[in-house]
């Protein structure tokens, strides 16, 4: 009997739109989810090839005392310079891409989710059977970023480094608006999942 491959779903959305919460809700329902943000953190650890490339380009000034890359210092560089951001992405994205493709190939079941914040920016949407965008109005995304300790200037730079959220939303197969409480988001995600699983049977 042939293995049936799961529906490969690309999860994306605006920064501070609620992707992490959606991942958590899906995982609580037994849906396998791979967070490529976490994979990106793994590939820049000491000893990894991306780590050596990053230090070679950006210098040792971005290192913490323990030898790990300071994502805060690196972020201050790449979010103010689009050229440097492209350089960093070219070092990190190929290794991240290899890992999520390997993970996806090993999945079974009806649905497997890969969360990729820059799904559309990197042109990866065609690797998936469908896409789900979590979104919120830009003013609300900005408000949430400010509560994370960013200045207004830093928060706006991060929002502007991505596609406008309306563009992501309209490009996606499905979208979920996250402009209310966590309970409200939970209900919306469970409704979406119920409809998806019902339609896929």
C-alpha atoms as a PDB file:
ATOM      1  CA  UNK A   1       0.000   0.000   0.000  1.00  0.00           C
ATOM      2  CA  UNK A   2       1.379   3.421  -0.971  1.00  0.00           C
ATOM      3  CA  UNK A   3       1.941   6.066   1.683  1.00  0.00           C
ATOM      4  CA  UNK A   4      -0.477   8.948   1.245  1.00  0.00           C
ATOM      5  CA  UNK A   5       1.382  12.220   1.562  1.00  0.00           C
ATOM      6  CA  UNK A   6      -0.254  14.835   3.779  1.00  0.00           C
ATOM      7  CA  UNK A   7      -1.638  18.122   2.488  1.00  0.00           C
ATOM      8  CA  UNK A   8       1.370  20.458   2.746  1.00  0.00           C
ATOM      9  CA  UNK A   9       0.229  23.792   4.159  1.00  0.00           C
ATOM     10  CA  UNK A  10       2.425  26.883   4.168  1.00  0.00           C
ATOM     11  CA  UNK A  11       1.564  29.066   7.165  1.00  0.00           C
ATOM     12  CA  UNK A  12       2.528  32.720   6.926  1.00  0.00           C
ATOM     13  CA  UNK A  13       1.395  36.185   7.943  1.00  0.00           C
ATOM     14  CA  UNK A  14       2.507  39.607   9.048  1.00  0.00           C
ATOM     15  CA  UNK A  15       4.998  40.113  11.856  1.00  0.00           C
ATOM     16  CA  UNK A  16       3.173  40.099  15.225  1.00  0.00           C
ATOM     17  CA  UNK A  17       0.005  38.890  13.478  1.00  0.00           C
ATOM     18  CA  UNK A  18      -0.245  35.733  15.604  1.00  0.00           C
ATOM     19  CA  UNK A  19       1.484  32.920  13.663  1.00  0.00           C
ATOM     20  CA  UNK A  20       2.993  31.470  16.840  1.00  0.00           C
ATOM     21  CA  UNK A  21      -0.412  31.234  18.506  1.00  0.00           C
ATOM     22  CA  UNK A  22      -1.911  29.568  15.416  1.00  0.00           C
ATOM     23  CA  UNK A  23       0.980  27.064  15.411  1.00  0.00           C
ATOM     24  CA  UNK A  24       0.333  26.302  19.090  1.00  0.00           C
ATOM     25  CA  UNK A  25      -3.404  25.776  18.517  1.00  0.00           C
ATOM     26  CA  UNK A  26      -2.791  23.451  15.553  1.00  0.00           C
ATOM     27  CA  UNK A  27      -0.196  21.448  17.502  1.00  0.00           C
ATOM     28  CA  UNK A  28      -2.653  21.060  20.385  1.00  0.00           C
ATOM     29  CA  UNK A  29      -4.976  19.415  17.855  1.00  0.00           C
ATOM     30  CA  UNK A  30      -2.254  16.922  16.902  1.00  0.00           C
ATOM     31  CA  UNK A  31      -1.255  18.635  13.646  1.00  0.00           C
ATOM     32  CA  UNK A  32       2.507  18.459  12.959  1.00  0.00           C
ATOM     33  CA  UNK A  33       3.961  21.966  12.578  1.00  0.00           C
ATOM     34  CA  UNK A  34       7.528  22.994  11.765  1.00  0.00           C
ATOM     35  CA  UNK A  35       8.484  26.556  12.735  1.00  0.00           C
ATOM     36  CA  UNK A  36      11.191  27.730  10.327  1.00  0.00           C
ATOM     37  CA  UNK A  37      12.034  30.629  12.667  1.00  0.00           C
ATOM     38  CA  UNK A  38      13.278  28.021  15.152  1.00  0.00           C
ATOM     39  CA  UNK A  39      15.129  26.189  12.370  1.00  0.00           C
ATOM     40  CA  UNK A  40      16.778  29.501  11.408  1.00  0.00           C
ATOM     41  CA  UNK A  41      17.981  29.878  15.010  1.00  0.00           C
ATOM     42  CA  UNK A  42      19.473  26.359  14.866  1.00  0.00           C
ATOM     43  CA  UNK A  43      21.401  26.899  11.613  1.00  0.00           C
ATOM     44  CA  UNK A  44      23.258  29.941  13.018  1.00  0.00           C
ATOM     45  CA  UNK A  45      24.572  28.090  16.091  1.00  0.00           C
ATOM     46  CA  UNK A  46      28.357  27.725  16.493  1.00  0.00           C
ATOM     47  CA  UNK A  47      29.666  24.896  14.321  1.00  0.00           C
ATOM     48  CA  UNK A  48      27.018  25.298  11.620  1.00  0.00           C
ATOM     49  CA  UNK A  49      28.116  26.371   8.127  1.00  0.00           C
ATOM     50  CA  UNK A  50      25.798  29.419   8.164  1.00  0.00           C
ATOM     51  CA  UNK A  51      27.427  30.560  11.441  1.00  0.00           C
ATOM     52  CA  UNK A  52      30.852  30.654   9.814  1.00  0.00           C
ATOM     53  CA  UNK A  53      29.544  32.547   6.763  1.00  0.00           C
ATOM     54  CA  UNK A  54      27.740  35.120   8.921  1.00  0.00           C
ATOM     55  CA  UNK A  55      30.808  35.805  11.100  1.00  0.00           C
ATOM     56  CA  UNK A  56      32.965  36.005   7.972  1.00  0.00           C
ATOM     57  CA  UNK A  57      30.737  38.711   6.514  1.00  0.00           C
ATOM     58  CA  UNK A  58      29.404  40.685   9.488  1.00  0.00           C
ATOM     59  CA  UNK A  59      32.443  40.354  11.767  1.00  0.00           C
ATOM     60  CA  UNK A  60      32.918  39.189  15.340  1.00  0.00           C
ATOM     61  CA  UNK A  61      31.229  42.330  16.711  1.00  0.00           C
ATOM     62  CA  UNK A  62      27.871  40.534  16.400  1.00  0.00           C
ATOM     63  CA  UNK A  63      28.955  37.774  18.821  1.00  0.00           C
ATOM     64  CA  UNK A  64      27.855  37.479  22.437  1.00  0.00           C
ATOM     65  CA  UNK A  65      30.396  36.670  25.158  1.00  0.00           C
ATOM     66  CA  UNK A  66      29.538  32.960  24.853  1.00  0.00           C
ATOM     67  CA  UNK A  67      30.382  32.920  21.117  1.00  0.00           C
ATOM     68  CA  UNK A  68      26.769  32.730  19.951  1.00  0.00           C
ATOM     69  CA  UNK A  69      25.482  35.237  17.407  1.00  0.00           C
ATOM     70  CA  UNK A  70      23.534  38.079  18.986  1.00  0.00           C
ATOM     71  CA  UNK A  71      20.296  38.099  17.009  1.00  0.00           C
ATOM     72  CA  UNK A  72      19.597  41.563  18.461  1.00  0.00           C
ATOM     73  CA  UNK A  73      22.848  43.042  17.060  1.00  0.00           C
ATOM     74  CA  UNK A  74      22.413  41.247  13.751  1.00  0.00           C
ATOM     75  CA  UNK A  75      18.819  42.470  13.539  1.00  0.00           C
ATOM     76  CA  UNK A  76      19.907  46.074  14.096  1.00  0.00           C
ATOM     77  CA  UNK A  77      22.140  45.745  11.008  1.00  0.00           C
ATOM     78  CA  UNK A  78      19.852  43.889   8.607  1.00  0.00           C
ATOM     79  CA  UNK A  79      16.575  45.660   9.390  1.00  0.00           C
ATOM     80  CA  UNK A  80      18.140  49.027   8.522  1.00  0.00           C
ATOM     81  CA  UNK A  81      19.914  47.822   5.376  1.00  0.00           C
ATOM     82  CA  UNK A  82      18.050  45.879   2.684  1.00  0.00           C
ATOM     83  CA  UNK A  83      21.298  44.834   0.969  1.00  0.00           C
ATOM     84  CA  UNK A  84      22.720  43.324   4.153  1.00  0.00           C
ATOM     85  CA  UNK A  85      19.375  41.611   4.792  1.00  0.00           C
ATOM     86  CA  UNK A  86      19.619  39.923   1.374  1.00  0.00           C
ATOM     87  CA  UNK A  87      23.181  38.834   2.158  1.00  0.00           C
ATOM     88  CA  UNK A  88      22.062  37.266   5.451  1.00  0.00           C
ATOM     89  CA  UNK A  89      19.061  35.557   3.832  1.00  0.00           C
ATOM     90  CA  UNK A  90      21.311  34.054   1.148  1.00  0.00           C
ATOM     91  CA  UNK A  91      23.435  32.500   3.912  1.00  0.00           C
ATOM     92  CA  UNK A  92      20.583  31.180   6.056  1.00  0.00           C
ATOM     93  CA  UNK A  93      17.643  30.361   3.757  1.00  0.00           C
ATOM     94  CA  UNK A  94      19.195  27.499   1.724  1.00  0.00           C
ATOM     95  CA  UNK A  95      20.004  25.504   4.884  1.00  0.00           C
ATOM     96  CA  UNK A  96      16.604  26.255   6.417  1.00  0.00           C
ATOM     97  CA  UNK A  97      14.938  25.228   3.135  1.00  0.00           C
ATOM     98  CA  UNK A  98      16.756  21.899   3.059  1.00  0.00           C
ATOM     99  CA  UNK A  99      15.643  21.117   6.614  1.00  0.00           C
ATOM    100  CA  UNK A 100      11.967  21.937   6.158  1.00  0.00           C
ATOM    101  CA  UNK A 101      11.805  19.994   2.882  1.00  0.00           C
ATOM    102  CA  UNK A 102      13.357  16.947   4.575  1.00  0.00           C
ATOM    103  CA  UNK A 103      10.894  17.305   7.470  1.00  0.00           C
ATOM    104  CA  UNK A 104       7.907  17.615   5.133  1.00  0.00           C
ATOM    105  CA  UNK A 105       8.967  14.565   3.118  1.00  0.00           C
ATOM    106  CA  UNK A 106       8.955  12.482   6.315  1.00  0.00           C
ATOM    107  CA  UNK A 107       5.417  13.464   7.416  1.00  0.00           C
ATOM    108  CA  UNK A 108       2.328  11.270   7.259  1.00  0.00           C
ATOM    109  CA  UNK A 109      -1.304  11.979   8.087  1.00  0.00           C
ATOM    110  CA  UNK A 110      -3.813  14.330   6.513  1.00  0.00           C
ATOM    111  CA  UNK A 111      -2.105  17.686   7.133  1.00  0.00           C
ATOM    112  CA  UNK A 112       1.445  18.954   7.753  1.00  0.00           C
ATOM    113  CA  UNK A 113       2.197  22.622   8.350  1.00  0.00           C
ATOM    114  CA  UNK A 114       5.396  24.564   7.690  1.00  0.00           C
ATOM    115  CA  UNK A 115       5.418  28.072   9.178  1.00  0.00           C
ATOM    116  CA  UNK A 116       7.457  30.458   6.988  1.00  0.00           C
ATOM    117  CA  UNK A 117       7.197  34.195   7.776  1.00  0.00           C
ATOM    118  CA  UNK A 118       8.754  35.160   4.397  1.00  0.00           C
ATOM    119  CA  UNK A 119       6.895  32.515   2.366  1.00  0.00           C
ATOM    120  CA  UNK A 120       5.866  34.914  -0.418  1.00  0.00           C
ATOM    121  CA  UNK A 121       8.910  37.161  -0.210  1.00  0.00           C
ATOM    122  CA  UNK A 122      11.059  34.084  -0.944  1.00  0.00           C
ATOM    123  CA  UNK A 123       8.700  32.755  -3.656  1.00  0.00           C
ATOM    124  CA  UNK A 124       8.089  29.449  -1.829  1.00  0.00           C
ATOM    125  CA  UNK A 125       4.303  29.277  -2.143  1.00  0.00           C
ATOM    126  CA  UNK A 126       4.398  26.792  -5.028  1.00  0.00           C
ATOM    127  CA  UNK A 127       6.080  24.198  -2.794  1.00  0.00           C
ATOM    128  CA  UNK A 128       2.781  23.835  -0.910  1.00  0.00           C
ATOM    129  CA  UNK A 129      -0.680  22.495  -1.676  1.00  0.00           C
ATOM    130  CA  UNK A 130      -2.173  25.619  -0.088  1.00  0.00           C
ATOM    131  CA  UNK A 131      -1.340  28.596   2.106  1.00  0.00           C
ATOM    132  CA  UNK A 132      -2.872  30.068   5.254  1.00  0.00           C
ATOM    133  CA  UNK A 133      -2.209  33.695   6.191  1.00  0.00           C
ATOM    134  CA  UNK A 134      -2.668  34.989   9.741  1.00  0.00           C
ATOM    135  CA  UNK A 135      -3.156  38.726   9.611  1.00  0.00           C
ATOM    136  CA  UNK A 136      -4.007  41.810  11.613  1.00  0.00           C
ATOM    137  CA  UNK A 137      -4.360  45.490  10.700  1.00  0.00           C
ATOM    138  CA  UNK A 138      -0.946  47.166  10.444  1.00  0.00           C
ATOM    139  CA  UNK A 139      -1.709  49.562  13.322  1.00  0.00           C
ATOM    140  CA  UNK A 140      -2.375  46.571  15.591  1.00  0.00           C
ATOM    141  CA  UNK A 141       0.807  44.792  14.442  1.00  0.00           C
ATOM    142  CA  UNK A 142       2.750  47.971  15.288  1.00  0.00           C
ATOM    143  CA  UNK A 143       1.095  48.181  18.713  1.00  0.00           C
ATOM    144  CA  UNK A 144       2.026  44.545  19.467  1.00  0.00           C
ATOM    145  CA  UNK A 145       5.651  45.070  18.380  1.00  0.00           C
ATOM    146  CA  UNK A 146       5.957  48.078  20.709  1.00  0.00           C
ATOM    147  CA  UNK A 147       4.964  45.846  23.642  1.00  0.00           C
ATOM    148  CA  UNK A 148       7.927  43.606  22.741  1.00  0.00           C
ATOM    149  CA  UNK A 149      10.364  46.391  23.555  1.00  0.00           C
ATOM    150  CA  UNK A 150      11.002  47.731  20.054  1.00  0.00           C
ATOM    151  CA  UNK A 151      11.021  51.434  19.331  1.00  0.00           C
ATOM    152  CA  UNK A 152       8.417  52.730  16.890  1.00  0.00           C
ATOM    153  CA  UNK A 153      11.149  53.166  14.258  1.00  0.00           C
ATOM    154  CA  UNK A 154      12.415  49.578  14.737  1.00  0.00           C
ATOM    155  CA  UNK A 155       8.865  48.194  14.638  1.00  0.00           C
ATOM    156  CA  UNK A 156       8.058  50.040  11.402  1.00  0.00           C
ATOM    157  CA  UNK A 157      11.316  48.819   9.819  1.00  0.00           C
ATOM    158  CA  UNK A 158      10.361  45.205  10.583  1.00  0.00           C
ATOM    159  CA  UNK A 159       6.849  45.629   9.185  1.00  0.00           C
ATOM    160  CA  UNK A 160       8.180  47.326   6.044  1.00  0.00           C
ATOM    161  CA  UNK A 161      10.773  44.568   5.489  1.00  0.00           C
ATOM    162  CA  UNK A 162       7.894  42.213   4.579  1.00  0.00           C
ATOM    163  CA  UNK A 163       5.168  42.253   1.952  1.00  0.00           C
ATOM    164  CA  UNK A 164       2.165  44.380   3.023  1.00  0.00           C
ATOM    165  CA  UNK A 165      -0.144  42.105   4.997  1.00  0.00           C
ATOM    166  CA  UNK A 166      -3.073  42.754   2.615  1.00  0.00           C
ATOM    167  CA  UNK A 167      -0.955  41.467  -0.270  1.00  0.00           C
ATOM    168  CA  UNK A 168      -0.113  38.279   1.664  1.00  0.00           C
ATOM    169  CA  UNK A 169      -3.724  37.791   2.663  1.00  0.00           C
ATOM    170  CA  UNK A 170      -5.120  38.105  -0.855  1.00  0.00           C
ATOM    171  CA  UNK A 171      -2.399  35.800  -2.258  1.00  0.00           C
ATOM    172  CA  UNK A 172      -3.232  33.035   0.231  1.00  0.00           C
ATOM    173  CA  UNK A 173      -5.655  30.140  -0.112  1.00  0.00           C
ATOM    174  CA  UNK A 174      -7.138  30.933   3.315  1.00  0.00           C
ATOM    175  CA  UNK A 175      -6.735  33.749   5.810  1.00  0.00           C
ATOM    176  CA  UNK A 176      -7.534  34.240   9.482  1.00  0.00           C
ATOM    177  CA  UNK A 177      -7.958  37.711  10.986  1.00  0.00           C
ATOM    178  CA  UNK A 178      -6.409  37.998  14.462  1.00  0.00           C
ATOM    179  CA  UNK A 179      -7.661  41.293  15.871  1.00  0.00           C
ATOM    180  CA  UNK A 180      -9.333  40.083  19.057  1.00  0.00           C
ATOM    181  CA  UNK A 181      -8.677  37.898  22.081  1.00  0.00           C
ATOM    182  CA  UNK A 182      -6.751  34.599  22.165  1.00  0.00           C
ATOM    183  CA  UNK A 183     -10.071  32.833  22.752  1.00  0.00           C
ATOM    184  CA  UNK A 184     -11.427  34.440  19.583  1.00  0.00           C
ATOM    185  CA  UNK A 185      -8.353  33.335  17.601  1.00  0.00           C
ATOM    186  CA  UNK A 186      -8.597  29.821  19.045  1.00  0.00           C
ATOM    187  CA  UNK A 187     -12.201  29.554  17.872  1.00  0.00           C
ATOM    188  CA  UNK A 188     -11.350  30.820  14.368  1.00  0.00           C
ATOM    189  CA  UNK A 189      -8.463  28.363  13.972  1.00  0.00           C
ATOM    190  CA  UNK A 190     -10.544  25.414  15.196  1.00  0.00           C
ATOM    191  CA  UNK A 191     -13.366  26.408  12.818  1.00  0.00           C
ATOM    192  CA  UNK A 192     -10.902  26.582   9.922  1.00  0.00           C
ATOM    193  CA  UNK A 193      -9.360  23.214  10.859  1.00  0.00           C
ATOM    194  CA  UNK A 194     -12.769  21.544  11.173  1.00  0.00           C
ATOM    195  CA  UNK A 195     -13.807  22.795   7.724  1.00  0.00           C
ATOM    196  CA  UNK A 196     -10.472  21.798   6.205  1.00  0.00           C
ATOM    197  CA  UNK A 197     -10.572  18.245   7.598  1.00  0.00           C
ATOM    198  CA  UNK A 198     -14.248  17.832   6.643  1.00  0.00           C
ATOM    199  CA  UNK A 199     -13.555  18.899   3.061  1.00  0.00           C
ATOM    200  CA  UNK A 200     -10.468  16.715   2.724  1.00  0.00           C
ATOM    201  CA  UNK A 201     -12.247  13.484   3.649  1.00  0.00           C
END
